[in-house]
Amino acid sequence: MGALTEKSSKIYQKGDPALPMDKANQLLQQLQDWSLDEDQQIIQRTFKFKNYYETMAFVNSVAWIAHREDHHPDMEVTYNRCVVNYSTHSVGGLSENDFICAAKIDALL
């Protein structure tokens, strides 16, 4: 994971290619408990917490990472759970940015 956390997100233009699936699977192995969705367009992880306060602290930390990296996930937030989904809309699938941000989120825990 260290290699990914040392990197920064870059800007992808509409039409840039998505990551090849073999590269995405290789990067996925560097993350903790993330998985591909059934269409292989999104990486996702569910985080569970003791209470609402811990959940919101986590959400705010993810928001800070998203702001710093200029790469924003979709999140589903409930009382003690947060599902984080990453994909890169401009490439229509996954980019290295998704894995960089996921690794930085893993480093929070």
Protein backbone atom coordinates (compact mmCIF):
# COMPACT_ATOMS: atom_id res chain seq x y z
CA MET A 1 0.00 0.00 0.00
CA GLY A 2 2.91 2.37 0.67
CA ALA A 3 3.59 2.92 -3.01
CA LEU A 4 0.01 4.02 -3.65
CA THR A 5 -0.14 6.33 -0.64
CA GLU A 6 2.99 8.10 -1.86
CA LYS A 7 1.35 9.00 -5.18
CA SER A 8 -1.02 11.83 -6.04
CA SER A 9 -4.02 11.77 -8.32
CA LYS A 10 -3.69 13.20 -11.79
CA ILE A 11 -6.21 14.72 -14.15
CA TYR A 12 -7.74 12.44 -16.75
CA GLN A 13 -9.47 13.86 -19.80
CA LYS A 14 -12.68 12.54 -21.26
CA GLY A 15 -11.72 9.78 -23.65
CA ASP A 16 -8.53 8.76 -21.82
CA PRO A 17 -8.48 4.97 -21.49
CA ALA A 18 -9.57 3.19 -18.33
CA LEU A 19 -7.12 0.88 -16.61
CA PRO A 20 -6.78 -2.54 -18.20
CA MET A 21 -8.43 -5.15 -15.97
CA ASP A 22 -5.15 -6.96 -15.25
CA LYS A 23 -3.62 -3.72 -13.92
CA ALA A 24 -6.78 -2.96 -11.89
CA ASN A 25 -6.63 -6.42 -10.30
CA GLN A 26 -2.95 -5.93 -9.52
CA LEU A 27 -3.64 -2.61 -7.78
CA LEU A 28 -6.66 -4.08 -5.98
CA GLN A 29 -4.32 -6.58 -4.31
CA GLN A 30 -2.55 -3.65 -2.63
CA LEU A 31 -5.75 -2.54 -0.86
CA GLN A 32 -7.51 -3.83 2.27
CA ASP A 33 -10.98 -5.33 1.75
CA TRP A 34 -11.87 -3.41 -1.43
CA SER A 35 -13.67 -5.23 -4.22
CA LEU A 36 -14.76 -4.69 -7.80
CA ASP A 37 -18.44 -4.27 -8.58
CA GLU A 38 -20.04 -6.81 -10.92
CA ASP A 39 -19.45 -4.56 -13.96
CA GLN A 40 -15.79 -4.05 -12.99
CA GLN A 41 -16.22 -0.28 -13.23
CA ILE A 42 -16.10 0.59 -9.52
CA ILE A 43 -14.04 -0.35 -6.49
CA GLN A 44 -15.94 -0.35 -3.24
CA ARG A 45 -15.54 -1.02 0.45
CA THR A 46 -17.92 -0.99 3.39
CA PHE A 47 -16.62 0.53 6.63
CA LYS A 48 -18.41 -0.17 9.93
CA PHE A 49 -18.19 1.94 13.08
CA LYS A 50 -19.40 1.89 16.69
CA ASN A 51 -21.61 4.96 16.40
CA TYR A 52 -22.69 7.97 14.37
CA TYR A 53 -19.86 10.19 15.64
CA GLU A 54 -17.18 7.77 14.42
CA THR A 55 -18.97 7.40 11.09
CA MET A 56 -19.10 11.17 10.58
CA ALA A 57 -15.45 11.59 11.59
CA PHE A 58 -14.54 9.01 8.95
CA VAL A 59 -16.73 10.71 6.30
CA ASN A 60 -15.06 14.05 7.02
CA SER A 61 -11.62 12.44 6.73
CA VAL A 62 -12.58 10.92 3.37
CA ALA A 63 -13.84 14.35 2.26
CA TRP A 64 -10.46 15.86 3.17
CA ILE A 65 -8.63 13.21 1.12
CA ALA A 66 -11.02 13.74 -1.79
CA HIS A 67 -10.43 17.48 -1.67
CA ARG A 68 -6.63 17.12 -1.52
CA GLU A 69 -6.58 14.60 -4.36
CA ASP A 70 -9.35 16.31 -6.36
CA HIS A 71 -10.94 12.90 -6.80
CA HIS A 72 -14.29 12.36 -5.14
CA PRO A 73 -16.02 9.10 -4.25
CA ASP A 74 -19.69 8.29 -4.03
CA MET A 75 -20.58 7.48 -0.43
CA GLU A 76 -23.59 5.90 1.22
CA VAL A 77 -23.72 6.91 4.88
CA THR A 78 -25.87 5.48 7.67
CA TYR A 79 -25.66 5.61 11.47
CA ASN A 80 -22.69 3.26 11.82
CA ARG A 81 -21.69 2.39 8.25
CA CYS A 82 -20.20 4.05 5.20
CA VAL A 83 -19.90 2.49 1.75
CA VAL A 84 -17.25 4.17 -0.41
CA ASN A 85 -17.34 3.74 -4.20
CA TYR A 86 -14.60 4.96 -6.50
CA SER A 87 -14.55 5.18 -10.28
CA THR A 88 -13.24 7.75 -12.74
CA HIS A 89 -16.09 9.21 -14.75
CA SER A 90 -13.88 10.82 -17.39
CA VAL A 91 -12.44 7.42 -18.42
CA GLY A 92 -15.68 5.53 -17.99
CA GLY A 93 -14.21 3.06 -15.51
CA LEU A 94 -11.23 2.72 -13.23
CA SER A 95 -8.05 4.78 -13.15
CA GLU A 96 -5.04 4.73 -10.88
CA ASN A 97 -6.63 7.67 -9.00
CA ASP A 98 -9.28 5.33 -7.60
CA PHE A 99 -6.65 3.06 -6.07
CA ILE A 100 -4.52 5.94 -4.78
CA CYS A 101 -7.47 7.42 -2.91
CA ALA A 102 -8.60 4.02 -1.63
CA ALA A 103 -5.10 3.36 -0.25
CA LYS A 104 -5.11 6.75 1.49
CA ILE A 105 -8.48 5.91 3.05
CA ASP A 106 -7.11 2.54 4.22
CA ALA A 107 -4.22 4.41 5.86
CA LEU A 108 -6.73 6.27 8.06
CA LEU A 109 -7.64 3.11 9.95
